[in-house]
Amino acid sequence: MNEKTIHSLKNVLMVLGILIFILLITIPFFASPFQVILFASFLMYVVLTISWMIFSGSTGYVSLATAAFFGIGIYSSAIMAKSVPIILVVIISGIISLVIAALVGALTLRLKGIYFTMFTLGLVELIRNFLTWYEIKFTGTRGRFVPVVDNDTIYWIMLGIAIVLLVTTYLIRRSKFGLALRSIGSQEEAAGHSGVNVTAVKVVIFAISAFFMGAAGAIMAAKWTYVDPGMAFNLNLSFLPVLMAIFGGMGNLVGPVIGAVIFAYLEDKLLTQFPYYYMLIFGIIMSVTILYLPTGLMGLAQRLWKRLAGGQRAHS
C-alpha cells in the first residue's frame, strides 16, 4: 500500500469520524426519547468495552471485574443522587471505583493467568453478596430508588464519558506508559528486567479503567430509577465487554467500538424477540468469531483491504 493510498484512507477516516461526531452531538435534537436512551446504552457498552481493553487488551490479563466497578458506580449514585448534583455523582462514583480498583489491584495483580481472572470474577460475587447481606441486615430492604434524570441529560453525560475515555486511551497508547503496557503484554519478565515497575503500571491502568466503568454505572443508574444488587452486579456485564472487544478486534480503538455497537444493538433486538435464547445466540456468534475471525471484524477488514490493494498494484 503506497503512501498516497494511506494518506487518502486517513483522510476518509477523518471525515467519517467528524460526521459521526456531529451525528452523536445532534441526536437529542431530532431523535425520539426511546432512540436517545438506546444510543446512551450503545455508548455505555462502548465505554465498558474500551475500559476493559485499556487494561486487558494491553497487558494480556483477562479481567472479569467490569460488573464490580460498574455496580459500585450504580450504588454510589443511588446513595448520593438525592443530595448531590448528577455531574458530581458521576465523578465521585468514578473516583470511588478507581480507589477500590487500586486497592484490589495492589493486592491481586501479582497473580497471573487464570488465577487473576477467577479472582476478578469472584470479586463481583463478593461485592454483590455483601451488599445484599448489608441491606437486608441493616436497612431491612433489598434495593434502592434512584432520582429520575431526563434522557437527554443521561445521553449527554454518557457521551462526555465516552469522549474523555477515547482521548485518554489515545494519549495512553502514544505515551511511554503505553509502551510499558505493551511490553508487559508481550513479555512481562523482560519488561521488569528493563526497568519497568510492572506492578505499579498494572495497578494504575487497572484503576483508570475502573474509573470510567464506575462513572458509566453512576449515570445509567438514573435510567433504571430502581436498582438492587442483582441488577447492579450483573455478571453479563463482565462477559459482554470481552465478547464485544474480541468480536470487533483489539488491534485499534475502532474495532472494540464497532463490536460494542453491534452487540448492543443485537442485545436490544434479541432481548425483545428471543429473551430466553439471546445469550445462546451470543455464544454461537462468539464461537464462530473465535474460530473463523480470530482478529475480529477489523482484522477481516484489514485483510480484505490488503488483498484489494495488492490486486490493484498487480493490475497496474
Protein backbone atom coordinates (compact mmCIF):
# COMPACT_ATOMS: atom_id res chain seq x y z
CA MET A 1 0.00 0.00 0.00
CA ASN A 2 1.67 3.24 -1.15
CA GLU A 3 1.82 6.48 0.81
CA LYS A 4 -0.80 8.16 -1.37
CA THR A 5 -3.31 5.39 -0.67
CA ILE A 6 -2.58 5.50 3.08
CA HIS A 7 -2.98 9.29 3.10
CA SER A 8 -6.30 9.04 1.23
CA LEU A 9 -7.55 6.38 3.63
CA LYS A 10 -6.64 8.52 6.64
CA ASN A 11 -8.50 11.47 5.14
CA VAL A 12 -11.59 9.33 4.55
CA LEU A 13 -11.49 8.01 8.11
CA MET A 14 -11.04 11.53 9.48
CA VAL A 15 -14.05 12.85 7.55
CA LEU A 16 -16.10 9.83 8.61
CA GLY A 17 -15.11 10.39 12.24
CA ILE A 18 -16.14 14.05 12.08
CA LEU A 19 -19.51 13.14 10.57
CA ILE A 20 -20.13 10.50 13.25
CA PHE A 21 -19.19 13.01 15.96
CA ILE A 22 -21.62 15.60 14.54
CA LEU A 23 -24.34 12.94 14.41
CA LEU A 24 -23.75 11.96 18.04
CA ILE A 25 -23.82 15.59 19.16
CA THR A 26 -27.12 16.29 17.40
CA ILE A 27 -29.03 13.07 18.22
CA PRO A 28 -31.08 14.55 21.13
CA PHE A 29 -32.34 17.33 18.83
CA PHE A 30 -34.12 15.05 16.36
CA ALA A 31 -34.40 11.56 17.89
CA SER A 32 -37.28 10.20 19.95
CA PRO A 33 -36.80 9.64 23.72
CA PHE A 34 -36.53 5.89 23.09
CA GLN A 35 -33.82 6.40 20.47
CA VAL A 36 -31.90 8.78 22.74
CA ILE A 37 -31.77 6.27 25.60
CA LEU A 38 -30.94 3.48 23.10
CA PHE A 39 -27.92 5.45 21.91
CA ALA A 40 -26.99 6.09 25.53
CA SER A 41 -26.94 2.31 26.01
CA PHE A 42 -24.72 1.95 22.94
CA LEU A 43 -22.32 4.49 24.43
CA MET A 44 -22.40 2.66 27.77
CA TYR A 45 -21.19 -0.53 26.10
CA VAL A 46 -18.55 1.41 24.18
CA VAL A 47 -17.27 2.81 27.50
CA LEU A 48 -17.24 -0.60 29.20
CA THR A 49 -15.56 -2.29 26.22
CA ILE A 50 -12.84 0.34 25.74
CA SER A 51 -12.27 0.48 29.52
CA TRP A 52 -11.80 -3.28 29.58
CA MET A 53 -9.47 -3.13 26.58
CA ILE A 54 -7.27 -0.41 28.15
CA PHE A 55 -6.14 -2.90 30.78
CA SER A 56 -6.76 -6.40 29.47
CA GLY A 57 -6.04 -5.72 25.80
CA SER A 58 -2.69 -4.15 26.64
CA THR A 59 -1.43 -6.38 29.45
CA GLY A 60 -2.97 -9.72 28.50
CA TYR A 61 -4.54 -10.03 31.96
CA VAL A 62 -8.18 -11.02 31.40
CA SER A 63 -10.25 -9.12 33.96
CA LEU A 64 -13.88 -10.05 34.64
CA ALA A 65 -14.34 -7.29 37.22
CA THR A 66 -16.25 -4.93 34.89
CA ALA A 67 -19.56 -5.66 36.60
CA ALA A 68 -18.00 -4.98 40.01
CA PHE A 69 -16.85 -1.44 39.19
CA PHE A 70 -19.95 -0.69 37.12
CA GLY A 71 -22.10 -1.84 40.06
CA ILE A 72 -20.08 0.27 42.51
CA GLY A 73 -20.89 3.26 40.33
CA ILE A 74 -24.58 2.34 40.34
CA TYR A 75 -24.78 2.02 44.12
CA SER A 76 -22.71 5.14 44.70
CA SER A 77 -25.19 7.01 42.51
CA ALA A 78 -28.15 5.52 44.36
CA ILE A 79 -26.72 6.71 47.68
CA MET A 80 -25.64 10.21 46.60
CA ALA A 81 -28.05 11.25 43.84
CA LYS A 82 -30.72 12.67 46.16
CA SER A 83 -28.39 15.30 47.61
CA VAL A 84 -25.54 15.76 45.09
CA PRO A 85 -25.71 17.17 41.51
CA ILE A 86 -25.60 14.43 38.92
CA ILE A 87 -22.28 15.54 37.38
CA LEU A 88 -20.58 15.35 40.78
CA VAL A 89 -22.24 11.99 41.40
CA VAL A 90 -20.68 10.63 38.20
CA ILE A 91 -17.21 11.99 39.04
CA ILE A 92 -17.28 10.83 42.67
CA SER A 93 -18.59 7.40 41.68
CA GLY A 94 -15.74 7.07 39.20
CA ILE A 95 -13.23 8.05 41.89
CA ILE A 96 -14.68 5.52 44.34
CA SER A 97 -14.33 2.79 41.70
CA LEU A 98 -10.79 3.97 40.96
CA VAL A 99 -9.74 3.81 44.64
CA ILE A 100 -11.26 0.35 45.15
CA ALA A 101 -9.64 -0.89 41.94
CA ALA A 102 -6.26 0.46 43.06
CA LEU A 103 -6.57 -1.36 46.39
CA VAL A 104 -7.72 -4.58 44.75
CA GLY A 105 -5.05 -4.30 42.07
CA ALA A 106 -2.27 -3.73 44.60
CA LEU A 107 -3.29 -6.95 46.36
CA THR A 108 -4.04 -9.16 43.35
CA LEU A 109 -2.09 -8.02 40.30
CA ARG A 110 0.81 -10.23 41.27
CA LEU A 111 -1.48 -13.12 40.35
CA LYS A 112 -1.24 -14.31 36.76
CA GLY A 113 -3.33 -16.09 34.19
CA ILE A 114 -6.44 -17.94 35.28
CA TYR A 115 -5.87 -17.08 38.95
CA PHE A 116 -6.30 -13.36 38.32
CA THR A 117 -9.31 -13.95 36.05
CA MET A 118 -11.06 -16.12 38.64
CA PHE A 119 -10.36 -13.61 41.40
CA THR A 120 -11.91 -10.74 39.41
CA LEU A 121 -14.96 -12.89 38.70
CA GLY A 122 -15.23 -13.73 42.39
CA LEU A 123 -14.94 -10.03 43.26
CA VAL A 124 -18.26 -9.37 41.53
CA GLU A 125 -20.00 -12.05 43.55
CA LEU A 126 -18.30 -10.97 46.77
CA ILE A 127 -19.49 -7.35 46.50
CA ARG A 128 -22.97 -8.38 45.34
CA ASN A 129 -23.50 -10.76 48.23
CA PHE A 130 -22.02 -8.35 50.76
CA LEU A 131 -24.41 -5.57 49.68
CA THR A 132 -27.36 -7.96 49.72
CA TRP A 133 -26.47 -9.04 53.29
CA TYR A 134 -25.89 -5.44 54.40
CA GLU A 135 -29.18 -4.12 53.07
CA ILE A 136 -31.27 -6.95 54.48
CA LYS A 137 -29.44 -6.86 57.81
CA PHE A 138 -29.23 -3.11 58.43
CA THR A 139 -31.79 -1.35 56.21
CA GLY A 140 -34.47 -4.03 56.01
CA THR A 141 -34.72 -3.58 52.26
CA ARG A 142 -33.21 -5.01 49.13
CA GLY A 143 -32.62 -2.29 46.58
CA ARG A 144 -32.78 1.49 46.29
CA PHE A 145 -34.66 4.08 44.26
CA VAL A 146 -32.61 6.50 42.18
CA PRO A 147 -33.88 10.03 41.38
CA VAL A 148 -35.09 10.35 37.80
CA VAL A 149 -32.86 12.17 35.31
CA ASP A 150 -34.17 13.10 31.86
CA ASN A 151 -33.00 11.04 28.88
CA ASP A 152 -31.13 13.90 27.20
CA THR A 153 -29.02 14.52 30.31
CA ILE A 154 -28.18 10.81 30.59
CA TYR A 155 -27.16 10.80 26.93
CA TRP A 156 -25.02 13.95 27.12
CA ILE A 157 -23.15 12.74 30.20
CA MET A 158 -22.58 9.28 28.73
CA LEU A 159 -21.32 10.87 25.51
CA GLY A 160 -18.96 13.05 27.55
CA ILE A 161 -17.63 9.99 29.42
CA ALA A 162 -17.07 8.17 26.10
CA ILE A 163 -15.20 11.13 24.57
CA VAL A 164 -12.96 11.59 27.62
CA LEU A 165 -12.27 7.83 27.64
CA LEU A 166 -11.32 7.75 23.95
CA VAL A 167 -9.00 10.75 24.36
CA THR A 168 -7.45 9.18 27.48
CA THR A 169 -6.92 5.87 25.70
CA TYR A 170 -5.33 7.59 22.70
CA LEU A 171 -2.95 9.57 24.91
CA ILE A 172 -2.01 6.49 26.94
CA ARG A 173 -1.26 4.49 23.82
CA ARG A 174 1.04 7.20 22.47
CA SER A 175 2.89 7.72 25.76
CA LYS A 176 5.79 5.94 27.44
CA PHE A 177 3.20 4.50 29.79
CA GLY A 178 1.51 2.83 26.82
CA LEU A 179 4.84 1.45 25.68
CA ALA A 180 5.35 -0.02 29.15
CA LEU A 181 1.91 -1.63 28.97
CA ARG A 182 2.63 -3.21 25.60
CA SER A 183 5.96 -4.52 26.86
CA ILE A 184 4.15 -6.11 29.80
CA GLY A 185 1.67 -7.70 27.43
CA SER A 186 4.36 -9.13 25.15
CA GLN A 187 6.90 -10.24 27.77
CA GLU A 188 6.29 -9.25 31.37
CA GLU A 189 9.54 -10.61 32.80
CA ALA A 190 11.62 -8.84 30.18
CA ALA A 191 9.74 -5.59 30.90
CA GLY A 192 10.57 -5.92 34.58
CA HIS A 193 14.25 -6.55 33.85
CA SER A 194 14.35 -3.48 31.58
CA GLY A 195 13.34 -1.19 34.45
CA VAL A 196 9.54 -1.09 34.16
CA ASN A 197 7.75 -1.13 37.53
CA VAL A 198 5.39 -3.83 36.31
CA THR A 199 3.06 -4.00 39.31
CA ALA A 200 2.69 -0.21 39.59
CA VAL A 201 1.90 0.16 35.87
CA LYS A 202 -0.72 -2.59 36.03
CA VAL A 203 -2.35 -1.11 39.14
CA VAL A 204 -2.53 2.39 37.64
CA ILE A 205 -4.09 1.26 34.37
CA PHE A 206 -6.49 -1.08 36.20
CA ALA A 207 -7.63 1.84 38.36
CA ILE A 208 -8.03 4.20 35.38
CA SER A 209 -10.20 1.67 33.55
CA ALA A 210 -12.33 1.22 36.69
CA PHE A 211 -12.91 4.99 36.92
CA PHE A 212 -14.76 5.02 33.59
CA MET A 213 -16.70 1.85 34.43
CA GLY A 214 -17.88 3.40 37.69
CA ALA A 215 -18.77 6.70 36.00
CA ALA A 216 -20.84 4.85 33.39
CA GLY A 217 -22.65 2.91 36.11
CA ALA A 218 -23.46 6.11 38.01
CA ILE A 219 -25.27 7.78 35.12
CA MET A 220 -27.00 4.60 33.92
CA ALA A 221 -28.48 4.13 37.41
CA ALA A 222 -30.58 7.22 36.69
CA LYS A 223 -32.03 5.45 33.65
CA TRP A 224 -33.14 2.43 35.68
CA THR A 225 -34.61 4.51 38.59
CA TYR A 226 -34.57 1.40 40.84
CA VAL A 227 -31.54 -0.82 41.46
CA ASP A 228 -30.72 -3.82 43.63
CA PRO A 229 -27.50 -5.85 43.98
CA GLY A 230 -28.61 -8.40 41.38
CA MET A 231 -29.19 -5.68 38.78
CA ALA A 232 -26.13 -3.63 39.66
CA PHE A 233 -23.66 -6.53 39.71
CA ASN A 234 -24.95 -8.44 36.71
CA LEU A 235 -22.27 -10.91 35.57
CA ASN A 236 -23.32 -10.41 31.95
CA LEU A 237 -21.66 -7.00 32.16
CA SER A 238 -18.37 -8.72 32.96
CA PHE A 239 -18.51 -11.03 29.96
CA LEU A 240 -20.15 -8.87 27.28
CA PRO A 241 -17.33 -6.27 27.02
CA VAL A 242 -14.87 -9.13 26.47
CA LEU A 243 -17.03 -10.56 23.70
CA MET A 244 -17.51 -7.12 22.14
CA ALA A 245 -13.79 -6.37 22.10
CA ILE A 246 -12.91 -9.75 20.56
CA PHE A 247 -15.73 -9.51 18.01
CA GLY A 248 -14.67 -6.06 16.83
CA GLY A 249 -10.93 -6.70 17.04
CA MET A 250 -8.47 -5.29 19.57
CA GLY A 251 -5.78 -4.03 17.21
CA ASN A 252 -7.02 -0.44 17.46
CA LEU A 253 -9.75 1.70 19.03
CA VAL A 254 -12.16 1.35 16.13
CA GLY A 255 -12.63 -2.42 16.45
CA PRO A 256 -13.95 -2.50 20.04
CA VAL A 257 -16.26 0.44 19.30
CA ILE A 258 -17.75 -1.39 16.31
CA GLY A 259 -18.05 -4.61 18.31
CA ALA A 260 -19.75 -2.80 21.19
CA VAL A 261 -22.31 -1.06 18.95
CA ILE A 262 -23.16 -4.24 17.01
CA PHE A 263 -23.52 -6.38 20.12
CA ALA A 264 -25.52 -3.69 21.94
CA TYR A 265 -27.93 -3.49 19.01
CA LEU A 266 -28.19 -7.28 18.87
CA GLU A 267 -28.85 -7.42 22.61
CA ASP A 268 -31.68 -4.91 22.30
CA LYS A 269 -33.29 -6.85 19.46
CA LEU A 270 -32.73 -10.33 20.87
CA LEU A 271 -33.95 -9.43 24.35
CA THR A 272 -37.26 -8.25 22.93
CA GLN A 273 -37.71 -11.05 20.39
CA PHE A 274 -35.83 -14.02 21.91
CA PRO A 275 -35.49 -13.26 25.63
CA TYR A 276 -34.69 -16.84 26.60
CA TYR A 277 -32.17 -17.53 23.85
CA TYR A 278 -30.22 -14.33 23.37
CA MET A 279 -27.19 -15.45 25.43
CA LEU A 280 -27.15 -18.74 23.49
CA ILE A 281 -27.13 -16.78 20.23
CA PHE A 282 -24.35 -14.56 21.58
CA GLY A 283 -22.37 -17.70 22.43
CA ILE A 284 -22.78 -19.06 18.90
CA ILE A 285 -21.66 -15.75 17.39
CA MET A 286 -18.65 -15.68 19.70
CA SER A 287 -17.67 -19.27 18.88
CA VAL A 288 -17.84 -18.54 15.15
CA THR A 289 -15.78 -15.37 15.65
CA ILE A 290 -13.03 -17.15 17.59
CA LEU A 291 -12.88 -19.99 15.07
CA TYR A 292 -13.04 -18.01 11.84
CA LEU A 293 -12.31 -14.38 12.77
CA PRO A 294 -9.62 -14.54 15.47
CA THR A 295 -8.63 -10.91 14.80
CA GLY A 296 -12.25 -9.69 14.75
CA LEU A 297 -14.09 -7.62 12.18
CA MET A 298 -11.30 -5.06 11.93
CA GLY A 299 -8.77 -7.80 11.23
CA LEU A 300 -11.04 -9.11 8.45
CA ALA A 301 -11.44 -5.62 7.01
CA GLN A 302 -7.66 -5.08 7.02
CA ARG A 303 -7.04 -8.38 5.23
CA LEU A 304 -9.64 -7.56 2.58
CA TRP A 305 -8.14 -4.09 2.11
CA LYS A 306 -4.64 -5.55 1.64
CA ARG A 307 -5.94 -8.02 -0.92
CA LEU A 308 -7.75 -5.24 -2.76
CA ALA A 309 -4.69 -3.00 -2.68
CA GLY A 310 -2.49 -5.90 -3.81
CA GLY A 311 -4.85 -6.66 -6.70
CA GLN A 312 -4.78 -3.02 -7.78
CA ARG A 313 -0.97 -2.99 -7.81
CA ALA A 314 -0.89 -6.21 -9.82
CA HIS A 315 -3.19 -4.75 -12.49
CA SER A 316 -1.16 -1.55 -12.67
